[in-house]
């Protein structure tokens, strides 16, 4: 993975991980805490954080879509990210705000790359171009065994309905990415209590905010 671009303003936090790990819950709790600390926060998701993205989300997640070419799926997700970064993420960061996203490029590398057994380097090239190579300052991976996560859904969408082997490859991909760049990742056990997970996230985000404040004042 190349170094990438980190916004000099604002804070970009991403939540990643397999299905059923509690990303939506934890991203909402982080937003609430940051707002009590006086930060302006944009909470969003991929796919679906824009009007265009919502249309893409319907296509890629609806079981009614059926089979898609792997390349088509890669490009649809990348299109969502391009629109999302240009119209939501970068403008908010330029204003000095905190952006919290539920999924980002790592999901493409894990699901459309490792999960679909496509060449991860090619999937990354497409997605890095689509997102202007913008990287999160911190990515929180909520790790959970696929059997446990998938068991939390009564009905599954098009991606959740993939094989257990698919989701195992996805999980390992997230763990491998985090291990390769511990400075920008926090891996937590999603089986822990909501309160404990939130506390660990809050502590790490506070550290990142303090570090960035120090950089700005230097």
N, C-alpha and C. Protein backbone atom coordinates (compact mmCIF):
# COMPACT_ATOMS: atom_id res chain seq x y z
N UNK A 1 0.84 -1.18 0.00
CA UNK A 1 0.00 0.00 0.00
C UNK A 1 0.89 1.25 0.00
N UNK A 2 0.60 2.20 -0.87
CA UNK A 2 1.37 3.43 -0.94
C UNK A 2 0.99 4.35 0.21
N UNK A 3 1.80 5.42 0.40
CA UNK A 3 1.62 6.29 1.56
C UNK A 3 0.29 7.03 1.53
N UNK A 4 -0.08 7.55 0.37
CA UNK A 4 -1.36 8.25 0.26
C UNK A 4 -1.32 9.68 0.75
N UNK A 5 -2.50 10.31 0.73
CA UNK A 5 -2.65 11.72 1.07
C UNK A 5 -3.51 11.82 2.33
N UNK A 6 -3.04 12.61 3.30
CA UNK A 6 -3.81 12.87 4.52
C UNK A 6 -4.16 14.35 4.54
N UNK A 7 -5.41 14.66 4.79
CA UNK A 7 -5.85 16.04 4.79
C UNK A 7 -5.12 16.84 5.86
N UNK A 8 -4.62 18.03 5.52
CA UNK A 8 -3.94 18.86 6.52
C UNK A 8 -4.93 19.54 7.47
N UNK A 9 -6.21 19.51 7.13
CA UNK A 9 -7.24 20.13 7.97
C UNK A 9 -8.30 19.10 8.31
N UNK A 10 -8.98 19.34 9.43
CA UNK A 10 -10.03 18.44 9.85
C UNK A 10 -9.50 17.10 10.34
N UNK A 11 -10.41 16.16 10.54
CA UNK A 11 -10.05 14.82 10.97
C UNK A 11 -10.94 13.83 10.23
N UNK A 12 -10.31 12.81 9.65
CA UNK A 12 -11.02 11.81 8.86
C UNK A 12 -10.89 10.46 9.57
N UNK A 13 -12.02 9.93 10.05
CA UNK A 13 -12.06 8.66 10.77
C UNK A 13 -12.95 7.69 10.02
N UNK A 14 -12.47 6.47 9.86
CA UNK A 14 -13.22 5.46 9.13
C UNK A 14 -13.46 4.25 10.01
N UNK A 15 -14.65 3.66 9.90
CA UNK A 15 -14.96 2.40 10.57
C UNK A 15 -15.03 1.30 9.53
N UNK A 16 -14.29 0.22 9.79
CA UNK A 16 -14.26 -0.92 8.87
C UNK A 16 -14.46 -2.23 9.64
N UNK A 17 -14.58 -3.30 8.87
CA UNK A 17 -14.76 -4.62 9.45
C UNK A 17 -15.83 -5.39 8.73
N UNK A 18 -16.00 -6.65 9.11
CA UNK A 18 -16.99 -7.50 8.46
C UNK A 18 -18.40 -7.15 8.89
N UNK A 19 -19.31 -8.06 8.58
CA UNK A 19 -20.72 -7.81 8.83
C UNK A 19 -21.06 -7.99 10.31
N UNK A 20 -21.97 -7.14 10.81
CA UNK A 20 -22.48 -7.30 12.16
C UNK A 20 -21.56 -6.92 13.28
N UNK A 21 -20.52 -6.13 12.97
CA UNK A 21 -19.53 -5.79 13.99
C UNK A 21 -19.87 -4.57 14.82
N UNK A 22 -20.93 -3.84 14.46
CA UNK A 22 -21.33 -2.68 15.25
C UNK A 22 -20.77 -1.35 14.76
N UNK A 23 -20.42 -1.27 13.49
CA UNK A 23 -19.84 -0.03 12.96
C UNK A 23 -20.80 1.14 13.09
N UNK A 24 -22.06 0.93 12.76
CA UNK A 24 -23.04 2.02 12.82
C UNK A 24 -23.22 2.52 14.25
N UNK A 25 -23.29 1.59 15.20
CA UNK A 25 -23.44 1.96 16.60
C UNK A 25 -22.26 2.78 17.08
N UNK A 26 -21.05 2.30 16.81
CA UNK A 26 -19.85 2.97 17.30
C UNK A 26 -19.59 4.29 16.60
N UNK A 27 -19.89 4.37 15.31
CA UNK A 27 -19.69 5.65 14.62
C UNK A 27 -20.66 6.71 15.15
N UNK A 28 -21.88 6.29 15.48
CA UNK A 28 -22.83 7.23 16.07
C UNK A 28 -22.41 7.70 17.45
N UNK A 29 -21.90 6.79 18.27
CA UNK A 29 -21.43 7.16 19.59
C UNK A 29 -20.23 8.11 19.52
N UNK A 30 -19.34 7.85 18.55
CA UNK A 30 -18.19 8.73 18.39
C UNK A 30 -18.63 10.13 17.97
N UNK A 31 -19.58 10.20 17.05
CA UNK A 31 -20.10 11.51 16.64
C UNK A 31 -20.67 12.26 17.85
N UNK A 32 -21.48 11.57 18.64
CA UNK A 32 -22.11 12.24 19.79
C UNK A 32 -21.06 12.78 20.75
N UNK A 33 -20.01 11.97 21.03
CA UNK A 33 -18.97 12.43 21.94
C UNK A 33 -18.21 13.62 21.38
N UNK A 34 -17.85 13.55 20.10
CA UNK A 34 -17.09 14.64 19.48
C UNK A 34 -17.90 15.94 19.48
N UNK A 35 -19.20 15.82 19.26
CA UNK A 35 -20.03 17.03 19.27
C UNK A 35 -20.09 17.64 20.67
N UNK A 36 -20.11 16.80 21.70
CA UNK A 36 -20.09 17.36 23.07
C UNK A 36 -18.75 18.03 23.37
N UNK A 37 -17.70 17.64 22.63
CA UNK A 37 -16.38 18.25 22.78
C UNK A 37 -16.22 19.51 21.94
N UNK A 38 -17.29 19.87 21.23
CA UNK A 38 -17.27 21.12 20.47
C UNK A 38 -16.90 20.99 19.00
N UNK A 39 -16.77 19.78 18.49
CA UNK A 39 -16.41 19.58 17.09
C UNK A 39 -17.65 19.53 16.21
N UNK A 40 -17.51 20.02 15.00
CA UNK A 40 -18.55 19.85 13.98
C UNK A 40 -18.27 18.54 13.27
N UNK A 41 -19.25 17.67 13.22
CA UNK A 41 -19.05 16.31 12.72
C UNK A 41 -19.97 16.00 11.57
N UNK A 42 -19.42 15.38 10.54
CA UNK A 42 -20.20 14.83 9.42
C UNK A 42 -20.13 13.32 9.53
N UNK A 43 -21.27 12.69 9.75
CA UNK A 43 -21.35 11.23 9.83
C UNK A 43 -21.96 10.72 8.54
N UNK A 44 -21.25 9.83 7.85
CA UNK A 44 -21.71 9.37 6.55
C UNK A 44 -21.40 7.90 6.37
N UNK A 45 -21.73 7.35 5.21
CA UNK A 45 -21.48 5.94 4.96
C UNK A 45 -21.20 5.71 3.48
N UNK A 46 -20.56 4.59 3.20
CA UNK A 46 -20.30 4.17 1.82
C UNK A 46 -20.65 2.69 1.68
N UNK A 47 -21.39 2.37 0.62
CA UNK A 47 -22.03 3.29 -0.31
C UNK A 47 -23.28 3.92 0.29
N UNK A 48 -23.67 5.06 -0.28
CA UNK A 48 -24.93 5.65 0.09
C UNK A 48 -24.89 7.01 0.75
N UNK A 49 -23.71 7.64 0.88
CA UNK A 49 -23.63 8.91 1.56
C UNK A 49 -24.00 10.12 0.72
N UNK A 50 -24.39 9.90 -0.52
CA UNK A 50 -24.83 10.96 -1.42
C UNK A 50 -26.06 10.47 -2.17
N UNK A 51 -26.71 11.36 -2.91
CA UNK A 51 -27.88 10.95 -3.70
C UNK A 51 -27.47 9.90 -4.73
N UNK A 52 -26.36 10.15 -5.40
CA UNK A 52 -25.85 9.17 -6.37
C UNK A 52 -25.47 7.88 -5.66
N UNK A 53 -24.81 8.02 -4.51
CA UNK A 53 -24.38 6.86 -3.76
C UNK A 53 -25.54 5.98 -3.31
N UNK A 54 -26.68 6.60 -2.99
CA UNK A 54 -27.83 5.82 -2.58
C UNK A 54 -28.34 4.95 -3.72
N UNK A 55 -28.28 5.49 -4.94
CA UNK A 55 -28.68 4.70 -6.11
C UNK A 55 -27.73 3.53 -6.30
N UNK A 56 -26.42 3.80 -6.15
CA UNK A 56 -25.42 2.74 -6.27
C UNK A 56 -25.64 1.68 -5.19
N UNK A 57 -25.94 2.13 -3.97
CA UNK A 57 -26.16 1.19 -2.86
C UNK A 57 -27.30 0.22 -3.18
N UNK A 58 -28.36 0.75 -3.76
CA UNK A 58 -29.49 -0.11 -4.12
C UNK A 58 -29.08 -1.18 -5.12
N UNK A 59 -28.22 -0.81 -6.05
CA UNK A 59 -27.79 -1.76 -7.08
C UNK A 59 -26.89 -2.84 -6.49
N UNK A 60 -25.87 -2.42 -5.73
CA UNK A 60 -24.86 -3.39 -5.30
C UNK A 60 -25.31 -4.26 -4.12
N UNK A 61 -26.29 -3.80 -3.34
CA UNK A 61 -26.70 -4.56 -2.17
C UNK A 61 -28.01 -5.31 -2.32
N UNK A 62 -28.85 -4.89 -3.25
CA UNK A 62 -30.14 -5.56 -3.39
C UNK A 62 -29.98 -6.97 -3.95
N UNK A 63 -30.56 -7.98 -3.29
CA UNK A 63 -30.52 -9.34 -3.83
C UNK A 63 -31.17 -9.44 -5.21
N UNK A 64 -32.07 -8.49 -5.51
CA UNK A 64 -32.74 -8.50 -6.81
C UNK A 64 -31.77 -8.21 -7.96
N UNK A 65 -30.64 -7.60 -7.65
CA UNK A 65 -29.64 -7.31 -8.69
C UNK A 65 -29.09 -8.60 -9.27
N UNK A 66 -28.94 -9.61 -8.41
CA UNK A 66 -28.40 -10.88 -8.88
C UNK A 66 -26.90 -10.79 -9.13
N UNK A 67 -26.42 -11.60 -10.06
CA UNK A 67 -24.99 -11.66 -10.35
C UNK A 67 -24.53 -10.41 -11.10
N UNK A 68 -23.37 -9.91 -10.69
CA UNK A 68 -22.70 -8.83 -11.40
C UNK A 68 -21.30 -9.29 -11.76
N UNK A 69 -20.78 -8.80 -12.87
CA UNK A 69 -19.37 -8.99 -13.15
C UNK A 69 -18.57 -8.40 -12.00
N UNK A 70 -17.51 -9.07 -11.58
CA UNK A 70 -16.67 -8.53 -10.51
C UNK A 70 -16.14 -7.15 -10.84
N UNK A 71 -15.78 -6.94 -12.10
CA UNK A 71 -15.27 -5.63 -12.50
C UNK A 71 -16.35 -4.56 -12.43
N UNK A 72 -17.57 -4.94 -12.80
CA UNK A 72 -18.68 -4.00 -12.69
C UNK A 72 -18.88 -3.59 -11.24
N UNK A 73 -18.82 -4.56 -10.35
CA UNK A 73 -19.00 -4.27 -8.92
C UNK A 73 -17.90 -3.35 -8.41
N UNK A 74 -16.66 -3.61 -8.80
CA UNK A 74 -15.55 -2.75 -8.39
C UNK A 74 -15.79 -1.31 -8.84
N UNK A 75 -16.20 -1.14 -10.09
CA UNK A 75 -16.39 0.20 -10.64
C UNK A 75 -17.58 0.92 -10.02
N UNK A 76 -18.64 0.19 -9.70
CA UNK A 76 -19.80 0.82 -9.06
C UNK A 76 -19.42 1.34 -7.67
N UNK A 77 -18.74 0.52 -6.90
CA UNK A 77 -18.30 0.98 -5.57
C UNK A 77 -17.33 2.15 -5.69
N UNK A 78 -16.44 2.10 -6.67
CA UNK A 78 -15.48 3.19 -6.85
C UNK A 78 -16.18 4.48 -7.26
N UNK A 79 -17.22 4.38 -8.08
CA UNK A 79 -17.98 5.56 -8.48
C UNK A 79 -18.64 6.21 -7.26
N UNK A 80 -19.19 5.38 -6.39
CA UNK A 80 -19.77 5.90 -5.15
C UNK A 80 -18.72 6.66 -4.34
N UNK A 81 -17.53 6.11 -4.23
CA UNK A 81 -16.48 6.74 -3.44
C UNK A 81 -16.01 8.05 -4.07
N UNK A 82 -15.93 8.09 -5.39
CA UNK A 82 -15.51 9.32 -6.06
C UNK A 82 -16.48 10.46 -5.77
N UNK A 83 -17.76 10.18 -5.91
CA UNK A 83 -18.78 11.19 -5.64
C UNK A 83 -18.77 11.60 -4.16
N UNK A 84 -18.60 10.64 -3.31
CA UNK A 84 -18.62 10.86 -1.87
C UNK A 84 -17.45 11.74 -1.42
N UNK A 85 -16.26 11.43 -1.90
CA UNK A 85 -15.08 12.21 -1.52
C UNK A 85 -15.17 13.63 -2.05
N UNK A 86 -15.57 13.77 -3.30
CA UNK A 86 -15.59 15.11 -3.92
C UNK A 86 -16.68 16.01 -3.34
N UNK A 87 -17.83 15.45 -2.99
CA UNK A 87 -18.97 16.29 -2.58
C UNK A 87 -19.24 16.32 -1.09
N UNK A 88 -18.70 15.35 -0.33
CA UNK A 88 -18.97 15.30 1.10
C UNK A 88 -17.68 15.39 1.92
N UNK A 89 -16.76 14.46 1.69
CA UNK A 89 -15.60 14.31 2.57
C UNK A 89 -14.63 15.49 2.46
N UNK A 90 -14.15 15.76 1.26
CA UNK A 90 -13.15 16.82 1.10
C UNK A 90 -13.68 18.20 1.49
N UNK A 91 -14.90 18.58 1.10
CA UNK A 91 -15.41 19.88 1.54
C UNK A 91 -15.48 20.02 3.06
N UNK A 92 -15.91 18.95 3.75
CA UNK A 92 -16.00 19.01 5.21
C UNK A 92 -14.62 19.12 5.85
N UNK A 93 -13.66 18.35 5.34
CA UNK A 93 -12.30 18.43 5.87
C UNK A 93 -11.69 19.81 5.63
N UNK A 94 -11.98 20.40 4.48
CA UNK A 94 -11.47 21.74 4.17
C UNK A 94 -12.01 22.77 5.14
N UNK A 95 -13.23 22.52 5.66
CA UNK A 95 -13.82 23.42 6.65
C UNK A 95 -13.29 23.15 8.06
N UNK A 96 -12.42 22.16 8.19
CA UNK A 96 -11.86 21.83 9.50
C UNK A 96 -12.75 20.94 10.34
N UNK A 97 -13.71 20.26 9.72
CA UNK A 97 -14.65 19.42 10.45
C UNK A 97 -14.13 17.99 10.60
N UNK A 98 -14.81 17.22 11.42
CA UNK A 98 -14.51 15.80 11.58
C UNK A 98 -15.45 15.01 10.67
N UNK A 99 -14.89 14.16 9.85
CA UNK A 99 -15.69 13.28 9.01
C UNK A 99 -15.55 11.86 9.52
N UNK A 100 -16.68 11.23 9.80
CA UNK A 100 -16.71 9.83 10.22
C UNK A 100 -17.46 9.06 9.15
N UNK A 101 -16.80 8.07 8.56
CA UNK A 101 -17.47 7.28 7.53
C UNK A 101 -17.54 5.81 7.92
N UNK A 102 -18.70 5.24 7.66
CA UNK A 102 -18.92 3.80 7.83
C UNK A 102 -18.54 3.16 6.50
N UNK A 103 -17.32 2.65 6.43
CA UNK A 103 -16.68 2.02 5.27
C UNK A 103 -16.03 3.05 4.34
N UNK A 104 -14.94 2.57 3.69
CA UNK A 104 -14.20 3.41 2.75
C UNK A 104 -13.42 2.47 1.83
N UNK A 105 -12.24 2.86 1.39
CA UNK A 105 -11.48 2.09 0.40
C UNK A 105 -11.12 0.70 0.90
N UNK A 106 -10.81 0.56 2.18
CA UNK A 106 -10.43 -0.75 2.69
C UNK A 106 -11.52 -1.80 2.43
N UNK A 107 -12.77 -1.37 2.45
CA UNK A 107 -13.85 -2.31 2.17
C UNK A 107 -13.78 -2.82 0.74
N UNK A 108 -13.43 -1.95 -0.18
CA UNK A 108 -13.27 -2.39 -1.57
C UNK A 108 -12.13 -3.39 -1.69
N UNK A 109 -11.03 -3.12 -1.02
CA UNK A 109 -9.89 -4.03 -1.09
C UNK A 109 -10.23 -5.37 -0.45
N UNK A 110 -11.00 -5.34 0.64
CA UNK A 110 -11.35 -6.57 1.34
C UNK A 110 -12.44 -7.36 0.62
N UNK A 111 -13.50 -6.67 0.21
CA UNK A 111 -14.64 -7.37 -0.38
C UNK A 111 -14.46 -7.63 -1.88
N UNK A 112 -14.22 -6.56 -2.65
CA UNK A 112 -14.09 -6.74 -4.10
C UNK A 112 -12.72 -7.29 -4.48
N UNK A 113 -11.72 -7.10 -3.64
CA UNK A 113 -10.42 -7.68 -3.89
C UNK A 113 -10.30 -9.07 -3.32
N UNK A 114 -10.04 -9.15 -2.01
CA UNK A 114 -9.82 -10.45 -1.37
C UNK A 114 -11.05 -11.35 -1.44
N UNK A 115 -12.21 -10.79 -1.15
CA UNK A 115 -13.43 -11.59 -1.15
C UNK A 115 -13.75 -12.20 -2.50
N UNK A 116 -13.67 -11.37 -3.53
CA UNK A 116 -13.96 -11.82 -4.91
C UNK A 116 -12.75 -12.49 -5.56
N UNK A 117 -11.63 -12.51 -4.86
CA UNK A 117 -10.35 -13.05 -5.36
C UNK A 117 -9.93 -12.36 -6.65
N UNK A 118 -10.18 -11.06 -6.72
CA UNK A 118 -9.64 -10.24 -7.81
C UNK A 118 -8.27 -9.72 -7.38
N UNK A 119 -7.50 -9.23 -8.34
CA UNK A 119 -6.17 -8.69 -8.04
C UNK A 119 -6.32 -7.44 -7.17
N UNK A 120 -5.89 -7.53 -5.92
CA UNK A 120 -6.08 -6.43 -4.98
C UNK A 120 -5.38 -5.17 -5.47
N UNK A 121 -4.22 -5.31 -6.08
CA UNK A 121 -3.48 -4.15 -6.57
C UNK A 121 -4.29 -3.38 -7.62
N UNK A 122 -5.01 -4.10 -8.46
CA UNK A 122 -5.83 -3.45 -9.49
C UNK A 122 -7.04 -2.77 -8.86
N UNK A 123 -7.66 -3.43 -7.90
CA UNK A 123 -8.80 -2.83 -7.19
C UNK A 123 -8.34 -1.57 -6.46
N UNK A 124 -7.16 -1.64 -5.85
CA UNK A 124 -6.65 -0.47 -5.14
C UNK A 124 -6.36 0.68 -6.09
N UNK A 125 -5.79 0.39 -7.24
CA UNK A 125 -5.47 1.45 -8.20
C UNK A 125 -6.73 2.22 -8.61
N UNK A 126 -7.81 1.49 -8.89
CA UNK A 126 -9.07 2.13 -9.28
C UNK A 126 -9.61 2.99 -8.15
N UNK A 127 -9.59 2.44 -6.94
CA UNK A 127 -10.17 3.15 -5.81
C UNK A 127 -9.33 4.33 -5.34
N UNK A 128 -8.01 4.21 -5.43
CA UNK A 128 -7.17 5.34 -5.05
C UNK A 128 -7.36 6.50 -6.03
N UNK A 129 -7.52 6.19 -7.30
CA UNK A 129 -7.78 7.25 -8.27
C UNK A 129 -9.14 7.89 -7.99
N UNK A 130 -10.14 7.08 -7.71
CA UNK A 130 -11.49 7.59 -7.46
C UNK A 130 -11.54 8.50 -6.25
N UNK A 131 -10.72 8.22 -5.25
CA UNK A 131 -10.76 8.99 -4.00
C UNK A 131 -9.63 10.02 -3.90
N UNK A 132 -8.95 10.27 -4.99
CA UNK A 132 -7.81 11.21 -5.00
C UNK A 132 -6.73 10.79 -3.99
N UNK A 133 -6.69 9.49 -3.70
CA UNK A 133 -5.71 8.89 -2.79
C UNK A 133 -5.83 9.42 -1.36
N UNK A 134 -6.99 9.95 -1.01
CA UNK A 134 -7.22 10.47 0.33
C UNK A 134 -7.33 9.31 1.33
N UNK A 135 -6.57 9.39 2.43
CA UNK A 135 -6.57 8.34 3.44
C UNK A 135 -7.17 8.86 4.74
N UNK A 136 -7.81 8.00 5.52
CA UNK A 136 -8.27 8.40 6.85
C UNK A 136 -7.09 8.61 7.79
N UNK A 137 -7.23 9.55 8.72
CA UNK A 137 -6.22 9.72 9.75
C UNK A 137 -6.24 8.53 10.70
N UNK A 138 -7.43 7.92 10.86
CA UNK A 138 -7.56 6.74 11.70
C UNK A 138 -8.65 5.83 11.13
N UNK A 139 -8.32 4.55 11.04
CA UNK A 139 -9.31 3.54 10.65
C UNK A 139 -9.51 2.58 11.81
N UNK A 140 -10.75 2.47 12.27
CA UNK A 140 -11.10 1.57 13.36
C UNK A 140 -11.68 0.29 12.76
N UNK A 141 -11.02 -0.82 13.00
CA UNK A 141 -11.50 -2.13 12.50
C UNK A 141 -12.18 -2.86 13.65
N UNK A 142 -13.47 -3.10 13.51
CA UNK A 142 -14.21 -3.87 14.51
C UNK A 142 -14.22 -5.32 14.04
N UNK A 143 -13.39 -6.12 14.68
CA UNK A 143 -13.14 -7.48 14.23
C UNK A 143 -14.09 -8.47 14.88
N UNK A 144 -14.67 -9.32 14.03
CA UNK A 144 -15.62 -10.33 14.51
C UNK A 144 -15.59 -11.52 13.57
N UNK A 145 -15.66 -12.72 14.15
CA UNK A 145 -15.71 -13.91 13.31
C UNK A 145 -16.95 -13.85 12.43
N UNK A 146 -16.82 -14.18 11.14
CA UNK A 146 -17.96 -14.09 10.23
C UNK A 146 -19.20 -14.84 10.70
N UNK A 147 -19.01 -16.02 11.29
CA UNK A 147 -20.17 -16.80 11.75
C UNK A 147 -21.00 -16.00 12.74
N UNK A 148 -20.32 -15.30 13.64
CA UNK A 148 -21.01 -14.52 14.67
C UNK A 148 -21.68 -13.29 14.06
N UNK A 149 -20.97 -12.60 13.19
CA UNK A 149 -21.53 -11.39 12.60
C UNK A 149 -22.73 -11.65 11.71
N UNK A 150 -22.60 -12.64 10.85
CA UNK A 150 -23.70 -12.95 9.92
C UNK A 150 -24.91 -13.49 10.66
N UNK A 151 -24.69 -14.10 11.81
CA UNK A 151 -25.80 -14.64 12.59
C UNK A 151 -26.69 -13.57 13.18
N UNK A 152 -26.27 -12.31 13.09
CA UNK A 152 -27.06 -11.21 13.65
C UNK A 152 -28.13 -10.70 12.68
N UNK A 153 -28.17 -11.25 11.47
CA UNK A 153 -29.12 -10.77 10.47
C UNK A 153 -30.19 -11.81 10.19
N UNK A 154 -31.45 -11.38 10.23
CA UNK A 154 -32.54 -12.28 9.85
C UNK A 154 -32.62 -12.38 8.33
N UNK A 155 -32.41 -11.26 7.66
CA UNK A 155 -32.37 -11.22 6.20
C UNK A 155 -31.02 -10.66 5.78
N UNK A 156 -30.48 -11.18 4.70
CA UNK A 156 -29.16 -10.76 4.25
C UNK A 156 -29.25 -10.06 2.90
N UNK A 157 -28.41 -9.03 2.74
CA UNK A 157 -28.36 -8.35 1.45
C UNK A 157 -27.46 -9.15 0.51
N UNK A 158 -27.21 -8.58 -0.65
CA UNK A 158 -26.48 -9.30 -1.68
C UNK A 158 -25.07 -9.68 -1.25
N UNK A 159 -24.40 -8.84 -0.48
CA UNK A 159 -23.04 -9.11 -0.03
C UNK A 159 -23.05 -10.01 1.20
N UNK A 160 -23.95 -9.73 2.13
CA UNK A 160 -24.05 -10.56 3.33
C UNK A 160 -24.35 -12.01 2.99
N UNK A 161 -25.03 -12.22 1.85
CA UNK A 161 -25.43 -13.57 1.45
C UNK A 161 -24.32 -14.38 0.80
N UNK A 162 -23.11 -13.82 0.70
CA UNK A 162 -22.00 -14.57 0.13
C UNK A 162 -21.56 -15.70 1.07
N UNK A 163 -20.72 -16.58 0.58
CA UNK A 163 -20.30 -17.76 1.33
C UNK A 163 -19.47 -17.40 2.56
N UNK A 164 -19.40 -18.33 3.50
CA UNK A 164 -18.59 -18.14 4.68
C UNK A 164 -17.12 -17.95 4.31
N UNK A 165 -16.65 -18.69 3.31
CA UNK A 165 -15.27 -18.56 2.85
C UNK A 165 -14.99 -17.15 2.34
N UNK A 166 -15.95 -16.58 1.63
CA UNK A 166 -15.84 -15.21 1.15
C UNK A 166 -15.61 -14.26 2.33
N UNK A 167 -16.44 -14.38 3.35
CA UNK A 167 -16.36 -13.48 4.49
C UNK A 167 -15.11 -13.73 5.33
N UNK A 168 -14.62 -14.93 5.33
CA UNK A 168 -13.36 -15.21 6.03
C UNK A 168 -12.19 -14.52 5.34
N UNK A 169 -12.20 -14.51 4.01
CA UNK A 169 -11.16 -13.80 3.26
C UNK A 169 -11.24 -12.30 3.53
N UNK A 170 -12.45 -11.80 3.61
CA UNK A 170 -12.66 -10.37 3.90
C UNK A 170 -12.09 -10.02 5.26
N UNK A 171 -12.41 -10.82 6.26
CA UNK A 171 -11.91 -10.56 7.61
C UNK A 171 -10.39 -10.52 7.65
N UNK A 172 -9.76 -11.50 7.03
CA UNK A 172 -8.31 -11.56 7.04
C UNK A 172 -7.69 -10.37 6.34
N UNK A 173 -8.33 -9.91 5.28
CA UNK A 173 -7.81 -8.75 4.55
C UNK A 173 -7.79 -7.51 5.44
N UNK A 174 -8.86 -7.29 6.20
CA UNK A 174 -8.89 -6.15 7.12
C UNK A 174 -7.77 -6.25 8.15
N UNK A 175 -7.59 -7.44 8.71
CA UNK A 175 -6.55 -7.63 9.73
C UNK A 175 -5.16 -7.42 9.15
N UNK A 176 -4.95 -7.87 7.92
CA UNK A 176 -3.64 -7.70 7.28
C UNK A 176 -3.35 -6.22 7.02
N UNK A 177 -4.34 -5.47 6.56
CA UNK A 177 -4.13 -4.04 6.30
C UNK A 177 -3.81 -3.30 7.59
N UNK A 178 -4.51 -3.65 8.66
CA UNK A 178 -4.26 -2.99 9.93
C UNK A 178 -2.88 -3.31 10.47
N UNK A 179 -2.47 -4.56 10.33
CA UNK A 179 -1.15 -4.97 10.82
C UNK A 179 -0.03 -4.27 10.08
N UNK A 180 -0.27 -3.92 8.81
CA UNK A 180 0.77 -3.29 8.00
C UNK A 180 0.94 -1.80 8.29
N UNK A 181 -0.02 -1.19 9.01
CA UNK A 181 0.05 0.25 9.26
C UNK A 181 -0.57 0.59 10.61
N UNK A 182 0.02 0.11 11.70
CA UNK A 182 -0.57 0.30 13.03
C UNK A 182 -0.72 1.76 13.44
N UNK A 183 0.07 2.65 12.84
CA UNK A 183 -0.03 4.07 13.19
C UNK A 183 -1.40 4.63 12.85
N UNK A 184 -2.01 4.09 11.80
CA UNK A 184 -3.28 4.66 11.33
C UNK A 184 -4.47 3.72 11.54
N UNK A 185 -4.27 2.64 12.31
CA UNK A 185 -5.35 1.67 12.53
C UNK A 185 -5.52 1.38 14.01
N UNK A 186 -6.75 1.04 14.37
CA UNK A 186 -7.08 0.54 15.71
C UNK A 186 -7.97 -0.67 15.51
N UNK A 187 -7.51 -1.84 15.92
CA UNK A 187 -8.28 -3.07 15.80
C UNK A 187 -8.87 -3.42 17.16
N UNK A 188 -10.19 -3.61 17.20
CA UNK A 188 -10.88 -3.92 18.44
C UNK A 188 -11.74 -5.17 18.28
N UNK A 189 -11.89 -5.90 19.36
CA UNK A 189 -12.72 -7.09 19.38
C UNK A 189 -14.19 -6.67 19.48
N UNK A 190 -14.94 -6.93 18.42
CA UNK A 190 -16.34 -6.50 18.38
C UNK A 190 -17.22 -7.26 19.36
N UNK A 191 -16.68 -8.32 19.99
CA UNK A 191 -17.46 -9.06 20.99
C UNK A 191 -17.46 -8.36 22.34
N UNK A 192 -16.60 -7.37 22.50
CA UNK A 192 -16.53 -6.62 23.75
C UNK A 192 -17.81 -5.81 23.93
N UNK A 193 -18.00 -5.23 25.11
CA UNK A 193 -19.20 -4.44 25.34
C UNK A 193 -19.17 -3.15 24.53
N UNK A 194 -20.34 -2.62 24.23
CA UNK A 194 -20.44 -1.37 23.49
C UNK A 194 -19.69 -0.26 24.21
N UNK A 195 -19.83 -0.22 25.54
CA UNK A 195 -19.20 0.83 26.33
C UNK A 195 -17.68 0.73 26.29
N UNK A 196 -17.16 -0.50 26.40
CA UNK A 196 -15.71 -0.68 26.37
C UNK A 196 -15.13 -0.31 25.02
N UNK A 197 -15.79 -0.75 23.96
CA UNK A 197 -15.31 -0.42 22.61
C UNK A 197 -15.31 1.09 22.40
N UNK A 198 -16.39 1.73 22.80
CA UNK A 198 -16.48 3.18 22.63
C UNK A 198 -15.38 3.89 23.40
N UNK A 199 -15.10 3.42 24.62
CA UNK A 199 -14.05 4.04 25.43
C UNK A 199 -12.70 3.94 24.77
N UNK A 200 -12.40 2.80 24.19
CA UNK A 200 -11.11 2.62 23.51
C UNK A 200 -11.01 3.49 22.26
N UNK A 201 -12.11 3.60 21.54
CA UNK A 201 -12.13 4.45 20.34
C UNK A 201 -11.94 5.91 20.74
N UNK A 202 -12.68 6.32 21.75
CA UNK A 202 -12.60 7.71 22.21
C UNK A 202 -11.19 8.07 22.64
N UNK A 203 -10.53 7.14 23.35
CA UNK A 203 -9.16 7.39 23.80
C UNK A 203 -8.21 7.56 22.62
N UNK A 204 -8.34 6.70 21.62
CA UNK A 204 -7.44 6.79 20.47
C UNK A 204 -7.72 8.04 19.65
N UNK A 205 -8.99 8.38 19.46
CA UNK A 205 -9.32 9.59 18.70
C UNK A 205 -8.81 10.83 19.43
N UNK A 206 -8.93 10.84 20.75
CA UNK A 206 -8.42 11.98 21.52
C UNK A 206 -6.92 12.13 21.32
N UNK A 207 -6.21 11.01 21.26
CA UNK A 207 -4.76 11.06 21.03
C UNK A 207 -4.43 11.60 19.65
N UNK A 208 -5.20 11.19 18.65
CA UNK A 208 -4.97 11.66 17.29
C UNK A 208 -5.26 13.16 17.20
N UNK A 209 -6.33 13.59 17.84
CA UNK A 209 -6.66 15.02 17.84
C UNK A 209 -5.57 15.84 18.52
N UNK A 210 -5.05 15.34 19.62
CA UNK A 210 -3.98 16.05 20.33
C UNK A 210 -2.71 16.11 19.49
N UNK A 211 -2.41 15.01 18.80
CA UNK A 211 -1.23 14.99 17.94
C UNK A 211 -1.36 15.99 16.81
N UNK A 212 -2.53 16.02 16.19
CA UNK A 212 -2.73 16.96 15.08
C UNK A 212 -2.73 18.41 15.55
N UNK A 213 -3.27 18.65 16.74
CA UNK A 213 -3.23 20.00 17.29
C UNK A 213 -1.80 20.45 17.53
N UNK A 214 -0.96 19.51 17.99
CA UNK A 214 0.45 19.80 18.20
C UNK A 214 1.17 20.11 16.91
N UNK A 215 0.78 19.41 15.85
CA UNK A 215 1.41 19.66 14.55
C UNK A 215 1.05 21.04 14.03
N UNK A 216 -0.21 21.46 14.26
CA UNK A 216 -0.65 22.75 13.77
C UNK A 216 0.00 23.89 14.52
N UNK A 217 0.29 23.66 15.83
CA UNK A 217 0.87 24.74 16.65
C UNK A 217 2.39 24.80 16.54
N UNK A 218 2.98 23.75 15.96
CA UNK A 218 4.45 23.71 15.87
C UNK A 218 4.97 24.72 14.85
